[in-house]
Amino acid sequence: ADRPMLDLLGEAAVSHQIVLTKADQPKASELQACIAEIAEATRRRAAAFPEIIATSARDGTGIVELRAAIARLVKERQ
């Protein structure tokens, strides 16, 4: 379901980053497999930032990384 939107972002040359939510729900091996699959797919997308951030509001996983990524973006835009 996300591919058409990602295609549109790529066609418009809009830089974007993949953020996965609810990373606490799948098993660790399933999450890693999902991240690897998405990383492979995004390698072909020039507008996609290569780092994938997996987050969980429940246990705090990835929140620091997401905040840092947002801070970098805001700083670049100033």
PDB file of N, CA and C in Angstrom:
ATOM      1  N   ALA A   1       0.822  -1.205   0.000  1.00  0.00           N
ATOM      2  CA  ALA A   1       0.000   0.000   0.000  1.00  0.00           C
ATOM      3  C   ALA A   1       0.860   1.261   0.000  1.00  0.00           C
ATOM      4  N   ASP A   2       2.080   1.178   0.508  1.00  0.00           N
ATOM      5  CA  ASP A   2       2.944   2.355   0.576  1.00  0.00           C
ATOM      6  C   ASP A   2       3.690   2.615  -0.726  1.00  0.00           C
ATOM      7  N   ARG A   3       3.811   1.621  -1.570  1.00  0.00           N
ATOM      8  CA  ARG A   3       4.628   1.780  -2.787  1.00  0.00           C
ATOM      9  C   ARG A   3       4.163   2.899  -3.704  1.00  0.00           C
ATOM     10  N   PRO A   4       2.843   3.060  -3.958  1.00  0.00           N
ATOM     11  CA  PRO A   4       2.443   4.188  -4.823  1.00  0.00           C
ATOM     12  C   PRO A   4       2.878   5.547  -4.266  1.00  0.00           C
ATOM     13  N   MET A   5       2.779   5.717  -2.959  1.00  0.00           N
ATOM     14  CA  MET A   5       3.209   6.987  -2.359  1.00  0.00           C
ATOM     15  C   MET A   5       4.721   7.149  -2.489  1.00  0.00           C
ATOM     16  N   LEU A   6       5.458   6.077  -2.259  1.00  0.00           N
ATOM     17  CA  LEU A   6       6.914   6.146  -2.405  1.00  0.00           C
ATOM     18  C   LEU A   6       7.300   6.435  -3.850  1.00  0.00           C
ATOM     19  N   ASP A   7       6.566   5.854  -4.796  1.00  0.00           N
ATOM     20  CA  ASP A   7       6.808   6.144  -6.211  1.00  0.00           C
ATOM     21  C   ASP A   7       6.579   7.622  -6.500  1.00  0.00           C
ATOM     22  N   LEU A   8       5.493   8.159  -5.959  1.00  0.00           N
ATOM     23  CA  LEU A   8       5.173   9.571  -6.156  1.00  0.00           C
ATOM     24  C   LEU A   8       6.255  10.475  -5.566  1.00  0.00           C
ATOM     25  N   LEU A   9       6.723  10.149  -4.364  1.00  0.00           N
ATOM     26  CA  LEU A   9       7.800  10.931  -3.752  1.00  0.00           C
ATOM     27  C   LEU A   9       9.064  10.881  -4.605  1.00  0.00           C
ATOM     28  N   GLY A  10       9.377   9.697  -5.126  1.00  0.00           N
ATOM     29  CA  GLY A  10      10.558   9.559  -5.975  1.00  0.00           C
ATOM     30  C   GLY A  10      10.444  10.336  -7.266  1.00  0.00           C
ATOM     31  N   GLU A  11       9.282  10.245  -7.900  1.00  0.00           N
ATOM     32  CA  GLU A  11       9.061  10.974  -9.156  1.00  0.00           C
ATOM     33  C   GLU A  11       9.159  12.478  -8.948  1.00  0.00           C
ATOM     34  N   ALA A  12       8.715  12.938  -7.786  1.00  0.00           N
ATOM     35  CA  ALA A  12       8.775  14.371  -7.477  1.00  0.00           C
ATOM     36  C   ALA A  12      10.118  14.775  -6.877  1.00  0.00           C
ATOM     37  N   ALA A  13      11.026  13.808  -6.712  1.00  0.00           N
ATOM     38  CA  ALA A  13      12.346  14.044  -6.139  1.00  0.00           C
ATOM     39  C   ALA A  13      12.253  14.630  -4.733  1.00  0.00           C
ATOM     40  N   VAL A  14      11.310  14.119  -3.960  1.00  0.00           N
ATOM     41  CA  VAL A  14      11.142  14.555  -2.571  1.00  0.00           C
ATOM     42  C   VAL A  14      11.916  13.598  -1.681  1.00  0.00           C
ATOM     43  N   SER A  15      12.865  14.130  -0.974  1.00  0.00           N
ATOM     44  CA  SER A  15      13.662  13.324  -0.056  1.00  0.00           C
ATOM     45  C   SER A  15      12.768  12.796   1.062  1.00  0.00           C
ATOM     46  N   HIS A  16      12.960  11.525   1.427  1.00  0.00           N
ATOM     47  CA  HIS A  16      12.138  10.919   2.472  1.00  0.00           C
ATOM     48  C   HIS A  16      12.896   9.808   3.181  1.00  0.00           C
ATOM     49  N   GLN A  17      12.427   9.486   4.360  1.00  0.00           N
ATOM     50  CA  GLN A  17      13.045   8.440   5.173  1.00  0.00           C
ATOM     51  C   GLN A  17      11.958   7.500   5.664  1.00  0.00           C
ATOM     52  N   ILE A  18      12.254   6.217   5.691  1.00  0.00           N
ATOM     53  CA  ILE A  18      11.306   5.215   6.150  1.00  0.00           C
ATOM     54  C   ILE A  18      11.406   5.088   7.666  1.00  0.00           C
ATOM     55  N   VAL A  19      10.253   5.185   8.327  1.00  0.00           N
ATOM     56  CA  VAL A  19      10.168   5.004   9.771  1.00  0.00           C
ATOM     57  C   VAL A  19       9.131   3.918  10.033  1.00  0.00           C
ATOM     58  N   LEU A  20       9.556   2.852  10.665  1.00  0.00           N
ATOM     59  CA  LEU A  20       8.651   1.768  11.025  1.00  0.00           C
ATOM     60  C   LEU A  20       8.163   1.987  12.444  1.00  0.00           C
ATOM     61  N   THR A  21       6.884   1.784  12.655  1.00  0.00           N
ATOM     62  CA  THR A  21       6.311   1.934  13.988  1.00  0.00           C
ATOM     63  C   THR A  21       5.936   0.566  14.537  1.00  0.00           C
ATOM     64  N   LYS A  22       5.655   0.527  15.801  1.00  0.00           N
ATOM     65  CA  LYS A  22       5.251  -0.705  16.486  1.00  0.00           C
ATOM     66  C   LYS A  22       6.304  -1.811  16.351  1.00  0.00           C
ATOM     67  N   ALA A  23       7.569  -1.410  16.433  1.00  0.00           N
ATOM     68  CA  ALA A  23       8.683  -2.351  16.276  1.00  0.00           C
ATOM     69  C   ALA A  23       8.758  -3.369  17.399  1.00  0.00           C
ATOM     70  N   ASP A  24       7.993  -3.156  18.468  1.00  0.00           N
ATOM     71  CA  ASP A  24       7.985  -4.100  19.578  1.00  0.00           C
ATOM     72  C   ASP A  24       7.079  -5.303  19.309  1.00  0.00           C
ATOM     73  N   GLN A  25       6.252  -5.245  18.282  1.00  0.00           N
ATOM     74  CA  GLN A  25       5.283  -6.309  18.047  1.00  0.00           C
ATOM     75  C   GLN A  25       5.830  -7.560  17.367  1.00  0.00           C
ATOM     76  N   PRO A  26       6.610  -7.445  16.281  1.00  0.00           N
ATOM     77  CA  PRO A  26       7.126  -8.680  15.675  1.00  0.00           C
ATOM     78  C   PRO A  26       8.312  -9.232  16.460  1.00  0.00           C
ATOM     79  N   LYS A  27       8.614 -10.484  16.211  1.00  0.00           N
ATOM     80  CA  LYS A  27       9.834 -11.071  16.774  1.00  0.00           C
ATOM     81  C   LYS A  27      11.025 -10.334  16.179  1.00  0.00           C
ATOM     82  N   ALA A  28      12.130 -10.328  16.915  1.00  0.00           N
ATOM     83  CA  ALA A  28      13.337  -9.605  16.462  1.00  0.00           C
ATOM     84  C   ALA A  28      13.773 -10.070  15.083  1.00  0.00           C
ATOM     85  N   SER A  29      13.733 -11.374  14.838  1.00  0.00           N
ATOM     86  CA  SER A  29      14.156 -11.893  13.534  1.00  0.00           C
ATOM     87  C   SER A  29      13.217 -11.423  12.421  1.00  0.00           C
ATOM     88  N   GLU A  30      11.916 -11.345  12.714  1.00  0.00           N
ATOM     89  CA  GLU A  30      10.953 -10.865  11.720  1.00  0.00           C
ATOM     90  C   GLU A  30      11.170  -9.388  11.418  1.00  0.00           C
ATOM     91  N   LEU A  31      11.455  -8.604  12.462  1.00  0.00           N
ATOM     92  CA  LEU A  31      11.710  -7.183  12.277  1.00  0.00           C
ATOM     93  C   LEU A  31      12.958  -6.976  11.432  1.00  0.00           C
ATOM     94  N   GLN A  32      14.013  -7.711  11.720  1.00  0.00           N
ATOM     95  CA  GLN A  32      15.249  -7.582  10.946  1.00  0.00           C
ATOM     96  C   GLN A  32      15.040  -7.976   9.488  1.00  0.00           C
ATOM     97  N   ALA A  33      14.250  -9.022   9.253  1.00  0.00           N
ATOM     98  CA  ALA A  33      13.955  -9.432   7.879  1.00  0.00           C
ATOM     99  C   ALA A  33      13.173  -8.346   7.150  1.00  0.00           C
ATOM    100  N   CYS A  34      12.226  -7.724   7.843  1.00  0.00           N
ATOM    101  CA  CYS A  34      11.442  -6.643   7.260  1.00  0.00           C
ATOM    102  C   CYS A  34      12.332  -5.448   6.925  1.00  0.00           C
ATOM    103  N   ILE A  35      13.206  -5.088   7.845  1.00  0.00           N
ATOM    104  CA  ILE A  35      14.125  -3.967   7.614  1.00  0.00           C
ATOM    105  C   ILE A  35      15.033  -4.263   6.426  1.00  0.00           C
ATOM    106  N   ALA A  36      15.534  -5.475   6.330  1.00  0.00           N
ATOM    107  CA  ALA A  36      16.408  -5.855   5.210  1.00  0.00           C
ATOM    108  C   ALA A  36      15.662  -5.769   3.885  1.00  0.00           C
ATOM    109  N   GLU A  37      14.425  -6.233   3.875  1.00  0.00           N
ATOM    110  CA  GLU A  37      13.615  -6.179   2.649  1.00  0.00           C
ATOM    111  C   GLU A  37      13.356  -4.743   2.221  1.00  0.00           C
ATOM    112  N   ILE A  38      13.015  -3.900   3.179  1.00  0.00           N
ATOM    113  CA  ILE A  38      12.759  -2.494   2.869  1.00  0.00           C
ATOM    114  C   ILE A  38      14.046  -1.796   2.433  1.00  0.00           C
ATOM    115  N   ALA A  39      15.151  -2.110   3.094  1.00  0.00           N
ATOM    116  CA  ALA A  39      16.441  -1.507   2.719  1.00  0.00           C
ATOM    117  C   ALA A  39      16.797  -1.854   1.280  1.00  0.00           C
ATOM    118  N   GLU A  40      16.560  -3.090   0.894  1.00  0.00           N
ATOM    119  CA  GLU A  40      16.838  -3.498  -0.487  1.00  0.00           C
ATOM    120  C   GLU A  40      15.954  -2.725  -1.462  1.00  0.00           C
ATOM    121  N   ALA A  41      14.694  -2.577  -1.139  1.00  0.00           N
ATOM    122  CA  ALA A  41      13.773  -1.847  -2.012  1.00  0.00           C
ATOM    123  C   ALA A  41      14.123  -0.364  -2.097  1.00  0.00           C
ATOM    124  N   THR A  42      14.564   0.226  -1.005  1.00  0.00           N
ATOM    125  CA  THR A  42      14.878   1.655  -1.021  1.00  0.00           C
ATOM    126  C   THR A  42      16.213   1.960  -1.675  1.00  0.00           C
ATOM    127  N   ARG A  43      17.071   0.964  -1.816  1.00  0.00           N
ATOM    128  CA  ARG A  43      18.346   1.204  -2.521  1.00  0.00           C
ATOM    129  C   ARG A  43      18.101   1.675  -3.955  1.00  0.00           C
ATOM    130  N   ARG A  44      16.990   1.270  -4.525  1.00  0.00           N
ATOM    131  CA  ARG A  44      16.655   1.654  -5.900  1.00  0.00           C
ATOM    132  C   ARG A  44      15.919   2.993  -5.962  1.00  0.00           C
ATOM    133  N   ARG A  45      15.722   3.604  -4.841  1.00  0.00           N
ATOM    134  CA  ARG A  45      14.996   4.873  -4.794  1.00  0.00           C
ATOM    135  C   ARG A  45      15.970   5.994  -4.416  1.00  0.00           C
ATOM    136  N   ALA A  46      16.306   6.797  -5.382  1.00  0.00           N
ATOM    137  CA  ALA A  46      17.318   7.836  -5.180  1.00  0.00           C
ATOM    138  C   ALA A  46      16.909   8.861  -4.122  1.00  0.00           C
ATOM    139  N   ALA A  47      15.619   9.117  -3.975  1.00  0.00           N
ATOM    140  CA  ALA A  47      15.167  10.141  -3.034  1.00  0.00           C
ATOM    141  C   ALA A  47      15.046   9.613  -1.602  1.00  0.00           C
ATOM    142  N   ALA A  48      15.162   8.307  -1.422  1.00  0.00           N
ATOM    143  CA  ALA A  48      14.994   7.713  -0.095  1.00  0.00           C
ATOM    144  C   ALA A  48      16.285   7.785   0.699  1.00  0.00           C
ATOM    145  N   PHE A  49      16.190   8.262   1.919  1.00  0.00           N
ATOM    146  CA  PHE A  49      17.330   8.263   2.826  1.00  0.00           C
ATOM    147  C   PHE A  49      17.636   6.809   3.183  1.00  0.00           C
ATOM    148  N   PRO A  50      18.882   6.397   3.178  1.00  0.00           N
ATOM    149  CA  PRO A  50      19.197   4.971   3.335  1.00  0.00           C
ATOM    150  C   PRO A  50      18.951   4.374   4.716  1.00  0.00           C
ATOM    151  N   GLU A  51      18.910   5.190   5.764  1.00  0.00           N
ATOM    152  CA  GLU A  51      18.703   4.652   7.107  1.00  0.00           C
ATOM    153  C   GLU A  51      17.217   4.440   7.369  1.00  0.00           C
ATOM    154  N   ILE A  52      16.857   3.258   7.850  1.00  0.00           N
ATOM    155  CA  ILE A  52      15.488   2.947   8.238  1.00  0.00           C
ATOM    156  C   ILE A  52      15.441   2.967   9.756  1.00  0.00           C
ATOM    157  N   ILE A  53      14.481   3.701  10.300  1.00  0.00           N
ATOM    158  CA  ILE A  53      14.361   3.804  11.749  1.00  0.00           C
ATOM    159  C   ILE A  53      13.155   2.985  12.195  1.00  0.00           C
ATOM    160  N   ALA A  54      13.384   2.025  13.069  1.00  0.00           N
ATOM    161  CA  ALA A  54      12.306   1.226  13.643  1.00  0.00           C
ATOM    162  C   ALA A  54      12.011   1.767  15.037  1.00  0.00           C
ATOM    163  N   THR A  55      10.740   2.104  15.288  1.00  0.00           N
ATOM    164  CA  THR A  55      10.376   2.732  16.547  1.00  0.00           C
ATOM    165  C   THR A  55       9.297   1.954  17.295  1.00  0.00           C
ATOM    166  N   SER A  56       9.259   2.179  18.587  1.00  0.00           N
ATOM    167  CA  SER A  56       8.198   1.653  19.434  1.00  0.00           C
ATOM    168  C   SER A  56       7.933   2.670  20.532  1.00  0.00           C
ATOM    169  N   ALA A  57       6.732   3.204  20.548  1.00  0.00           N
ATOM    170  CA  ALA A  57       6.368   4.140  21.622  1.00  0.00           C
ATOM    171  C   ALA A  57       6.264   3.404  22.949  1.00  0.00           C
ATOM    172  N   ARG A  58       5.921   2.132  22.899  1.00  0.00           N
ATOM    173  CA  ARG A  58       5.730   1.355  24.120  1.00  0.00           C
ATOM    174  C   ARG A  58       7.038   1.193  24.895  1.00  0.00           C
ATOM    175  N   ASP A  59       8.114   0.809  24.205  1.00  0.00           N
ATOM    176  CA  ASP A  59       9.374   0.585  24.928  1.00  0.00           C
ATOM    177  C   ASP A  59      10.460   1.611  24.601  1.00  0.00           C
ATOM    178  N   GLY A  60      10.142   2.589  23.750  1.00  0.00           N
ATOM    179  CA  GLY A  60      11.078   3.671  23.456  1.00  0.00           C
ATOM    180  C   GLY A  60      12.112   3.369  22.390  1.00  0.00           C
ATOM    181  N   THR A  61      12.056   2.190  21.809  1.00  0.00           N
ATOM    182  CA  THR A  61      13.018   1.818  20.770  1.00  0.00           C
ATOM    183  C   THR A  61      12.960   2.809  19.614  1.00  0.00           C
ATOM    184  N   GLY A  62      14.112   3.299  19.198  1.00  0.00           N
ATOM    185  CA  GLY A  62      14.227   4.140  18.017  1.00  0.00           C
ATOM    186  C   GLY A  62      13.780   5.580  18.176  1.00  0.00           C
ATOM    187  N   ILE A  63      13.228   5.926  19.315  1.00  0.00           N
ATOM    188  CA  ILE A  63      12.713   7.290  19.493  1.00  0.00           C
ATOM    189  C   ILE A  63      13.848   8.311  19.496  1.00  0.00           C
ATOM    190  N   VAL A  64      14.943   7.991  20.147  1.00  0.00           N
ATOM    191  CA  VAL A  64      16.098   8.903  20.157  1.00  0.00           C
ATOM    192  C   VAL A  64      16.614   9.097  18.731  1.00  0.00           C
ATOM    193  N   GLU A  65      16.707   8.023  17.969  1.00  0.00           N
ATOM    194  CA  GLU A  65      17.186   8.100  16.588  1.00  0.00           C
ATOM    195  C   GLU A  65      16.234   8.925  15.722  1.00  0.00           C
ATOM    196  N   LEU A  66      14.937   8.729  15.918  1.00  0.00           N
ATOM    197  CA  LEU A  66      13.957   9.496  15.153  1.00  0.00           C
ATOM    198  C   LEU A  66      14.043  10.982  15.487  1.00  0.00           C
ATOM    199  N   ARG A  67      14.141  11.292  16.761  1.00  0.00           N
ATOM    200  CA  ARG A  67      14.274  12.698  17.154  1.00  0.00           C
ATOM    201  C   ARG A  67      15.542  13.317  16.571  1.00  0.00           C
ATOM    202  N   ALA A  68      16.629  12.574  16.565  1.00  0.00           N
ATOM    203  CA  ALA A  68      17.889  13.082  16.005  1.00  0.00           C
ATOM    204  C   ALA A  68      17.755  13.317  14.503  1.00  0.00           C
ATOM    205  N   ALA A  69      17.081  12.421  13.814  1.00  0.00           N
ATOM    206  CA  ALA A  69      16.884  12.580  12.375  1.00  0.00           C
ATOM    207  C   ALA A  69      16.039  13.819  12.080  1.00  0.00           C
ATOM    208  N   ILE A  70      15.001  14.031  12.862  1.00  0.00           N
ATOM    209  CA  ILE A  70      14.156  15.211  12.692  1.00  0.00           C
ATOM    210  C   ILE A  70      14.949  16.478  13.003  1.00  0.00           C
ATOM    211  N   ALA A  71      15.757  16.449  14.045  1.00  0.00           N
ATOM    212  CA  ALA A  71      16.576  17.613  14.406  1.00  0.00           C
ATOM    213  C   ALA A  71      17.565  17.955  13.287  1.00  0.00           C
ATOM    214  N   ARG A  72      18.173  16.922  12.696  1.00  0.00           N
ATOM    215  CA  ARG A  72      19.103  17.159  11.570  1.00  0.00           C
ATOM    216  C   ARG A  72      18.377  17.821  10.405  1.00  0.00           C
ATOM    217  N   LEU A  73      17.181  17.334  10.116  1.00  0.00           N
ATOM    218  CA  LEU A  73      16.411  17.893   9.017  1.00  0.00           C
ATOM    219  C   LEU A  73      16.038  19.349   9.278  1.00  0.00           C
ATOM    220  N   VAL A  74      15.599  19.633  10.480  1.00  0.00           N
ATOM    221  CA  VAL A  74      15.227  21.013  10.828  1.00  0.00           C
ATOM    222  C   VAL A  74      16.457  21.911  10.739  1.00  0.00           C
ATOM    223  N   LYS A  75      17.584  21.432  11.225  1.00  0.00           N
ATOM    224  CA  LYS A  75      18.813  22.244  11.182  1.00  0.00           C
ATOM    225  C   LYS A  75      19.235  22.508   9.740  1.00  0.00           C
ATOM    226  N   GLU A  76      19.112  21.521   8.873  1.00  0.00           N
ATOM    227  CA  GLU A  76      19.463  21.705   7.463  1.00  0.00           C
ATOM    228  C   GLU A  76      18.562  22.718   6.772  1.00  0.00           C
ATOM    229  N   ARG A  77      17.323  22.780   7.187  1.00  0.00           N
ATOM    230  CA  ARG A  77      16.348  23.666   6.546  1.00  0.00           C
ATOM    231  C   ARG A  77      16.423  25.111   7.035  1.00  0.00           C
ATOM    232  N   GLN A  78      17.167  25.354   8.124  1.00  0.00           N
ATOM    233  CA  GLN A  78      17.252  26.720   8.662  1.00  0.00           C
ATOM    234  C   GLN A  78      18.273  27.525   7.927  1.00  0.00           C
TER     235      GLN A  78
END
